[in-house]
Amino acid sequence: MKVTIVAHPNAKKPRIEKDMLGILHVYVNKPPLEGKANKAIIESLAEFFNTKKNKIMLLSGDKSKIKVFEIVAENKN
């Protein structure tokens, strides 16, 4: 599943919110330096979607506020 998000680094209160259009806004308290915010976003998305961090990959938007992530579904046998 692909998820497009809007990143908000350096937020006082980390959270994930959906706007009226259904777009996820991910607020993290890490700075956008050396990938710290991206790592924090992955951690937040893993918790939000109840999956492991290694199942979430950044596809595009490494240095942008708008990012696209791929969330790989876990096989449940």
PDB file of N, CA and C in Angstrom:
ATOM      1  N   MET A   1       0.848  -1.160   0.000  1.00  0.00           N
ATOM      2  CA  MET A   1       0.000   0.000   0.000  1.00  0.00           C
ATOM      3  C   MET A   1       0.901   1.233   0.000  1.00  0.00           C
ATOM      4  N   LYS A   2       0.591   2.195  -0.855  1.00  0.00           N
ATOM      5  CA  LYS A   2       1.336   3.452  -0.885  1.00  0.00           C
ATOM      6  C   LYS A   2       0.581   4.496  -0.093  1.00  0.00           C
ATOM      7  N   VAL A   3       1.333   5.266   0.696  1.00  0.00           N
ATOM      8  CA  VAL A   3       0.748   6.302   1.533  1.00  0.00           C
ATOM      9  C   VAL A   3       1.492   7.609   1.277  1.00  0.00           C
ATOM     10  N   THR A   4       0.741   8.654   0.954  1.00  0.00           N
ATOM     11  CA  THR A   4       1.325   9.981   0.802  1.00  0.00           C
ATOM     12  C   THR A   4       1.062  10.755   2.080  1.00  0.00           C
ATOM     13  N   ILE A   5       2.106  11.371   2.600  1.00  0.00           N
ATOM     14  CA  ILE A   5       1.974  12.127   3.851  1.00  0.00           C
ATOM     15  C   ILE A   5       2.579  13.515   3.669  1.00  0.00           C
ATOM     16  N   VAL A   6       2.206  14.395   4.588  1.00  0.00           N
ATOM     17  CA  VAL A   6       2.828  15.707   4.684  1.00  0.00           C
ATOM     18  C   VAL A   6       3.597  15.711   6.001  1.00  0.00           C
ATOM     19  N   ALA A   7       4.894  15.960   5.914  1.00  0.00           N
ATOM     20  CA  ALA A   7       5.755  15.909   7.094  1.00  0.00           C
ATOM     21  C   ALA A   7       5.818  17.275   7.779  1.00  0.00           C
ATOM     22  N   HIS A   8       5.819  17.240   9.098  1.00  0.00           N
ATOM     23  CA  HIS A   8       5.956  18.443   9.911  1.00  0.00           C
ATOM     24  C   HIS A   8       7.041  18.185  10.960  1.00  0.00           C
ATOM     25  N   PRO A   9       8.313  18.417  10.618  1.00  0.00           N
ATOM     26  CA  PRO A   9       9.393  18.205  11.590  1.00  0.00           C
ATOM     27  C   PRO A   9       9.393  19.298  12.655  1.00  0.00           C
ATOM     28  N   ASN A  10      10.109  19.067  13.725  1.00  0.00           N
ATOM     29  CA  ASN A  10      10.258  20.013  14.840  1.00  0.00           C
ATOM     30  C   ASN A  10       8.929  20.389  15.492  1.00  0.00           C
ATOM     31  N   ALA A  11       7.987  19.471  15.506  1.00  0.00           N
ATOM     32  CA  ALA A  11       6.694  19.734  16.143  1.00  0.00           C
ATOM     33  C   ALA A  11       6.833  19.589  17.652  1.00  0.00           C
ATOM     34  N   LYS A  12       6.071  20.365  18.388  1.00  0.00           N
ATOM     35  CA  LYS A  12       6.116  20.269  19.844  1.00  0.00           C
ATOM     36  C   LYS A  12       5.460  18.989  20.330  1.00  0.00           C
ATOM     37  N   LYS A  13       4.377  18.580  19.649  1.00  0.00           N
ATOM     38  CA  LYS A  13       3.634  17.386  20.065  1.00  0.00           C
ATOM     39  C   LYS A  13       3.576  16.399  18.897  1.00  0.00           C
ATOM     40  N   PRO A  14       4.328  15.297  18.964  1.00  0.00           N
ATOM     41  CA  PRO A  14       4.288  14.301  17.887  1.00  0.00           C
ATOM     42  C   PRO A  14       2.897  13.673  17.775  1.00  0.00           C
ATOM     43  N   ARG A  15       2.390  13.586  16.530  1.00  0.00           N
ATOM     44  CA  ARG A  15       1.069  13.006  16.312  1.00  0.00           C
ATOM     45  C   ARG A  15       0.851  12.780  14.821  1.00  0.00           C
ATOM     46  N   ILE A  16      -0.204  12.051  14.499  1.00  0.00           N
ATOM     47  CA  ILE A  16      -0.631  11.864  13.115  1.00  0.00           C
ATOM     48  C   ILE A  16      -2.078  12.306  13.034  1.00  0.00           C
ATOM     49  N   GLU A  17      -2.371  13.177  12.061  1.00  0.00           N
ATOM     50  CA  GLU A  17      -3.726  13.668  11.863  1.00  0.00           C
ATOM     51  C   GLU A  17      -4.115  13.518  10.404  1.00  0.00           C
ATOM     52  N   LYS A  18      -5.401  13.313  10.173  1.00  0.00           N
ATOM     53  CA  LYS A  18      -5.945  13.280   8.823  1.00  0.00           C
ATOM     54  C   LYS A  18      -6.674  14.590   8.579  1.00  0.00           C
ATOM     55  N   ASP A  19      -6.431  15.213   7.411  1.00  0.00           N
ATOM     56  CA  ASP A  19      -7.162  16.435   7.118  1.00  0.00           C
ATOM     57  C   ASP A  19      -8.487  16.095   6.430  1.00  0.00           C
ATOM     58  N   MET A  20      -9.227  17.113   6.012  1.00  0.00           N
ATOM     59  CA  MET A  20     -10.554  16.904   5.430  1.00  0.00           C
ATOM     60  C   MET A  20     -10.496  16.152   4.099  1.00  0.00           C
ATOM     61  N   LEU A  21      -9.347  16.177   3.436  1.00  0.00           N
ATOM     62  CA  LEU A  21      -9.184  15.464   2.170  1.00  0.00           C
ATOM     63  C   LEU A  21      -8.662  14.044   2.358  1.00  0.00           C
ATOM     64  N   GLY A  22      -8.403  13.668   3.608  1.00  0.00           N
ATOM     65  CA  GLY A  22      -7.919  12.321   3.900  1.00  0.00           C
ATOM     66  C   GLY A  22      -6.410  12.179   3.841  1.00  0.00           C
ATOM     67  N   ILE A  23      -5.703  13.300   3.723  1.00  0.00           N
ATOM     68  CA  ILE A  23      -4.240  13.265   3.669  1.00  0.00           C
ATOM     69  C   ILE A  23      -3.691  13.204   5.090  1.00  0.00           C
ATOM     70  N   LEU A  24      -2.719  12.313   5.291  1.00  0.00           N
ATOM     71  CA  LEU A  24      -2.094  12.186   6.613  1.00  0.00           C
ATOM     72  C   LEU A  24      -1.042  13.265   6.810  1.00  0.00           C
ATOM     73  N   HIS A  25      -1.098  13.916   7.955  1.00  0.00           N
ATOM     74  CA  HIS A  25      -0.086  14.882   8.366  1.00  0.00           C
ATOM     75  C   HIS A  25       0.634  14.263   9.557  1.00  0.00           C
ATOM     76  N   VAL A  26       1.942  14.066   9.405  1.00  0.00           N
ATOM     77  CA  VAL A  26       2.728  13.416  10.452  1.00  0.00           C
ATOM     78  C   VAL A  26       3.620  14.468  11.106  1.00  0.00           C
ATOM     79  N   TYR A  27       3.391  14.695  12.389  1.00  0.00           N
ATOM     80  CA  TYR A  27       4.159  15.659  13.168  1.00  0.00           C
ATOM     81  C   TYR A  27       5.168  14.891  14.015  1.00  0.00           C
ATOM     82  N   VAL A  28       6.444  15.233  13.876  1.00  0.00           N
ATOM     83  CA  VAL A  28       7.496  14.601  14.676  1.00  0.00           C
ATOM     84  C   VAL A  28       8.341  15.678  15.336  1.00  0.00           C
ATOM     85  N   ASN A  29       8.953  15.336  16.463  1.00  0.00           N
ATOM     86  CA  ASN A  29       9.744  16.321  17.185  1.00  0.00           C
ATOM     87  C   ASN A  29      11.227  16.270  16.821  1.00  0.00           C
ATOM     88  N   LYS A  30      11.572  15.614  15.738  1.00  0.00           N
ATOM     89  CA  LYS A  30      12.968  15.539  15.283  1.00  0.00           C
ATOM     90  C   LYS A  30      13.208  16.581  14.190  1.00  0.00           C
ATOM     91  N   PRO A  31      14.443  17.069  14.089  1.00  0.00           N
ATOM     92  CA  PRO A  31      14.767  18.046  13.039  1.00  0.00           C
ATOM     93  C   PRO A  31      14.956  17.359  11.685  1.00  0.00           C
ATOM     94  N   PRO A  32      14.767  18.116  10.605  1.00  0.00           N
ATOM     95  CA  PRO A  32      14.936  17.524   9.264  1.00  0.00           C
ATOM     96  C   PRO A  32      16.405  17.487   8.845  1.00  0.00           C
ATOM     97  N   LEU A  33      17.248  16.956   9.697  1.00  0.00           N
ATOM     98  CA  LEU A  33      18.685  16.881   9.430  1.00  0.00           C
ATOM     99  C   LEU A  33      19.135  15.429   9.459  1.00  0.00           C
ATOM    100  N   GLU A  34      19.939  15.041   8.485  1.00  0.00           N
ATOM    101  CA  GLU A  34      20.553  13.708   8.436  1.00  0.00           C
ATOM    102  C   GLU A  34      19.536  12.571   8.526  1.00  0.00           C
ATOM    103  N   GLY A  35      18.327  12.798   8.017  1.00  0.00           N
ATOM    104  CA  GLY A  35      17.309  11.753   8.001  1.00  0.00           C
ATOM    105  C   GLY A  35      16.631  11.482   9.326  1.00  0.00           C
ATOM    106  N   LYS A  36      16.882  12.324  10.334  1.00  0.00           N
ATOM    107  CA  LYS A  36      16.289  12.084  11.652  1.00  0.00           C
ATOM    108  C   LYS A  36      14.764  12.172  11.613  1.00  0.00           C
ATOM    109  N   ALA A  37      14.239  13.162  10.903  1.00  0.00           N
ATOM    110  CA  ALA A  37      12.783  13.307  10.813  1.00  0.00           C
ATOM    111  C   ALA A  37      12.180  12.135  10.043  1.00  0.00           C
ATOM    112  N   ASN A  38      12.837  11.699   8.973  1.00  0.00           N
ATOM    113  CA  ASN A  38      12.325  10.564   8.198  1.00  0.00           C
ATOM    114  C   ASN A  38      12.256   9.304   9.043  1.00  0.00           C
ATOM    115  N   LYS A  39      13.264   9.063   9.866  1.00  0.00           N
ATOM    116  CA  LYS A  39      13.253   7.895  10.754  1.00  0.00           C
ATOM    117  C   LYS A  39      12.117   7.995  11.765  1.00  0.00           C
ATOM    118  N   ALA A  40      11.915   9.197  12.298  1.00  0.00           N
ATOM    119  CA  ALA A  40      10.835   9.393  13.264  1.00  0.00           C
ATOM    120  C   ALA A  40       9.472   9.211  12.603  1.00  0.00           C
ATOM    121  N   ILE A  41       9.340   9.633  11.340  1.00  0.00           N
ATOM    122  CA  ILE A  41       8.087   9.451  10.611  1.00  0.00           C
ATOM    123  C   ILE A  41       7.823   7.966  10.402  1.00  0.00           C
ATOM    124  N   ILE A  42       8.852   7.213  10.044  1.00  0.00           N
ATOM    125  CA  ILE A  42       8.690   5.768   9.861  1.00  0.00           C
ATOM    126  C   ILE A  42       8.242   5.113  11.164  1.00  0.00           C
ATOM    127  N   GLU A  43       8.824   5.527  12.278  1.00  0.00           N
ATOM    128  CA  GLU A  43       8.420   4.978  13.576  1.00  0.00           C
ATOM    129  C   GLU A  43       6.950   5.299  13.876  1.00  0.00           C
ATOM    130  N   SER A  44       6.544   6.533  13.575  1.00  0.00           N
ATOM    131  CA  SER A  44       5.158   6.937  13.815  1.00  0.00           C
ATOM    132  C   SER A  44       4.196   6.161  12.928  1.00  0.00           C
ATOM    133  N   LEU A  45       4.556   6.005  11.651  1.00  0.00           N
ATOM    134  CA  LEU A  45       3.698   5.260  10.728  1.00  0.00           C
ATOM    135  C   LEU A  45       3.598   3.793  11.128  1.00  0.00           C
ATOM    136  N   ALA A  46       4.693   3.211  11.610  1.00  0.00           N
ATOM    137  CA  ALA A  46       4.680   1.817  12.048  1.00  0.00           C
ATOM    138  C   ALA A  46       3.701   1.636  13.207  1.00  0.00           C
ATOM    139  N   GLU A  47       3.702   2.573  14.122  1.00  0.00           N
ATOM    140  CA  GLU A  47       2.780   2.501  15.248  1.00  0.00           C
ATOM    141  C   GLU A  47       1.337   2.736  14.782  1.00  0.00           C
ATOM    142  N   PHE A  48       1.153   3.704  13.887  1.00  0.00           N
ATOM    143  CA  PHE A  48      -0.182   4.054  13.390  1.00  0.00           C
ATOM    144  C   PHE A  48      -0.819   2.893  12.628  1.00  0.00           C
ATOM    145  N   PHE A  49      -0.029   2.217  11.780  1.00  0.00           N
ATOM    146  CA  PHE A  49      -0.535   1.115  10.976  1.00  0.00           C
ATOM    147  C   PHE A  49      -0.319  -0.249  11.626  1.00  0.00           C
ATOM    148  N   ASN A  50       0.211  -0.250  12.846  1.00  0.00           N
ATOM    149  CA  ASN A  50       0.432  -1.472  13.617  1.00  0.00           C
ATOM    150  C   ASN A  50       1.255  -2.495  12.825  1.00  0.00           C
ATOM    151  N   THR A  51       2.412  -2.052  12.358  1.00  0.00           N
ATOM    152  CA  THR A  51       3.316  -2.918  11.613  1.00  0.00           C
ATOM    153  C   THR A  51       4.744  -2.652  12.075  1.00  0.00           C
ATOM    154  N   LYS A  52       5.687  -3.400  11.531  1.00  0.00           N
ATOM    155  CA  LYS A  52       7.087  -3.238  11.902  1.00  0.00           C
ATOM    156  C   LYS A  52       7.728  -2.131  11.065  1.00  0.00           C
ATOM    157  N   LYS A  53       8.732  -1.485  11.639  1.00  0.00           N
ATOM    158  CA  LYS A  53       9.425  -0.394  10.939  1.00  0.00           C
ATOM    159  C   LYS A  53      10.075  -0.858   9.645  1.00  0.00           C
ATOM    160  N   ASN A  54      10.583  -2.081   9.615  1.00  0.00           N
ATOM    161  CA  ASN A  54      11.267  -2.562   8.412  1.00  0.00           C
ATOM    162  C   ASN A  54      10.298  -2.875   7.280  1.00  0.00           C
ATOM    163  N   LYS A  55       9.000  -2.784   7.520  1.00  0.00           N
ATOM    164  CA  LYS A  55       7.988  -2.990   6.482  1.00  0.00           C
ATOM    165  C   LYS A  55       7.586  -1.670   5.818  1.00  0.00           C
ATOM    166  N   ILE A  56       8.211  -0.564   6.233  1.00  0.00           N
ATOM    167  CA  ILE A  56       7.884   0.756   5.688  1.00  0.00           C
ATOM    168  C   ILE A  56       9.111   1.312   4.988  1.00  0.00           C
ATOM    169  N   MET A  57       8.929   1.698   3.711  1.00  0.00           N
ATOM    170  CA  MET A  57      10.044   2.227   2.920  1.00  0.00           C
ATOM    171  C   MET A  57       9.665   3.579   2.339  1.00  0.00           C
ATOM    172  N   LEU A  58      10.592   4.514   2.375  1.00  0.00           N
ATOM    173  CA  LEU A  58      10.404   5.827   1.763  1.00  0.00           C
ATOM    174  C   LEU A  58      10.661   5.696   0.269  1.00  0.00           C
ATOM    175  N   LEU A  59       9.638   5.971  -0.542  1.00  0.00           N
ATOM    176  CA  LEU A  59       9.776   5.873  -1.991  1.00  0.00           C
ATOM    177  C   LEU A  59      10.229   7.194  -2.609  1.00  0.00           C
ATOM    178  N   SER A  60       9.642   8.298  -2.161  1.00  0.00           N
ATOM    179  CA  SER A  60      10.028   9.592  -2.709  1.00  0.00           C
ATOM    180  C   SER A  60       9.788  10.678  -1.677  1.00  0.00           C
ATOM    181  N   GLY A  61      10.480  11.801  -1.861  1.00  0.00           N
ATOM    182  CA  GLY A  61      10.325  12.935  -0.959  1.00  0.00           C
ATOM    183  C   GLY A  61      11.314  12.964   0.178  1.00  0.00           C
ATOM    184  N   ASP A  62      12.496  12.412  -0.044  1.00  0.00           N
ATOM    185  CA  ASP A  62      13.509  12.354   1.010  1.00  0.00           C
ATOM    186  C   ASP A  62      13.761  13.719   1.647  1.00  0.00           C
ATOM    187  N   LYS A  63      13.813  14.763   0.840  1.00  0.00           N
ATOM    188  CA  LYS A  63      14.094  16.105   1.348  1.00  0.00           C
ATOM    189  C   LYS A  63      12.916  17.051   1.145  1.00  0.00           C
ATOM    190  N   SER A  64      11.717  16.478   1.011  1.00  0.00           N
ATOM    191  CA  SER A  64      10.515  17.267   0.767  1.00  0.00           C
ATOM    192  C   SER A  64       9.533  17.101   1.920  1.00  0.00           C
ATOM    193  N   LYS A  65       8.595  18.049   2.047  1.00  0.00           N
ATOM    194  CA  LYS A  65       7.551  17.915   3.056  1.00  0.00           C
ATOM    195  C   LYS A  65       6.522  16.871   2.652  1.00  0.00           C
ATOM    196  N   ILE A  66       6.347  16.689   1.353  1.00  0.00           N
ATOM    197  CA  ILE A  66       5.401  15.690   0.859  1.00  0.00           C
ATOM    198  C   ILE A  66       6.185  14.430   0.525  1.00  0.00           C
ATOM    199  N   LYS A  67       5.832  13.339   1.174  1.00  0.00           N
ATOM    200  CA  LYS A  67       6.581  12.093   1.045  1.00  0.00           C
ATOM    201  C   LYS A  67       5.639  10.949   0.684  1.00  0.00           C
ATOM    202  N   VAL A  68       6.181   9.969  -0.029  1.00  0.00           N
ATOM    203  CA  VAL A  68       5.415   8.775  -0.370  1.00  0.00           C
ATOM    204  C   VAL A  68       6.124   7.579   0.244  1.00  0.00           C
ATOM    205  N   PHE A  69       5.370   6.805   1.015  1.00  0.00           N
ATOM    206  CA  PHE A  69       5.897   5.612   1.668  1.00  0.00           C
ATOM    207  C   PHE A  69       5.182   4.381   1.129  1.00  0.00           C
ATOM    208  N   GLU A  70       5.913   3.286   1.088  1.00  0.00           N
ATOM    209  CA  GLU A  70       5.335   1.976   0.758  1.00  0.00           C
ATOM    210  C   GLU A  70       5.271   1.182   2.058  1.00  0.00           C
ATOM    211  N   ILE A  71       4.085   0.671   2.350  1.00  0.00           N
ATOM    212  CA  ILE A  71       3.910  -0.165   3.527  1.00  0.00           C
ATOM    213  C   ILE A  71       3.628  -1.575   3.026  1.00  0.00           C
ATOM    214  N   VAL A  72       4.547  -2.477   3.298  1.00  0.00           N
ATOM    215  CA  VAL A  72       4.441  -3.855   2.819  1.00  0.00           C
ATOM    216  C   VAL A  72       3.583  -4.647   3.789  1.00  0.00           C
ATOM    217  N   ALA A  73       2.574  -5.292   3.263  1.00  0.00           N
ATOM    218  CA  ALA A  73       1.688  -6.103   4.107  1.00  0.00           C
ATOM    219  C   ALA A  73       2.425  -7.344   4.564  1.00  0.00           C
ATOM    220  N   GLU A  74       2.178  -7.698   5.801  1.00  0.00           N
ATOM    221  CA  GLU A  74       2.776  -8.901   6.358  1.00  0.00           C
ATOM    222  C   GLU A  74       1.899 -10.097   5.996  1.00  0.00           C
ATOM    223  N   ASN A  75       2.536 -11.189   5.611  1.00  0.00           N
ATOM    224  CA  ASN A  75       1.790 -12.415   5.298  1.00  0.00           C
ATOM    225  C   ASN A  75       1.357 -13.068   6.590  1.00  0.00           C
ATOM    226  N   LYS A  76       0.058 -13.300   6.688  1.00  0.00           N
ATOM    227  CA  LYS A  76      -0.475 -13.967   7.885  1.00  0.00           C
ATOM    228  C   LYS A  76      -0.967 -15.333   7.473  1.00  0.00           C
ATOM    229  N   ASN A  77      -0.238 -16.351   7.888  1.00  0.00           N
ATOM    230  CA  ASN A  77      -0.600 -17.725   7.516  1.00  0.00           C
ATOM    231  C   ASN A  77      -1.455 -18.368   8.561  1.00  0.00           C
TER     232      ASN A  77
END
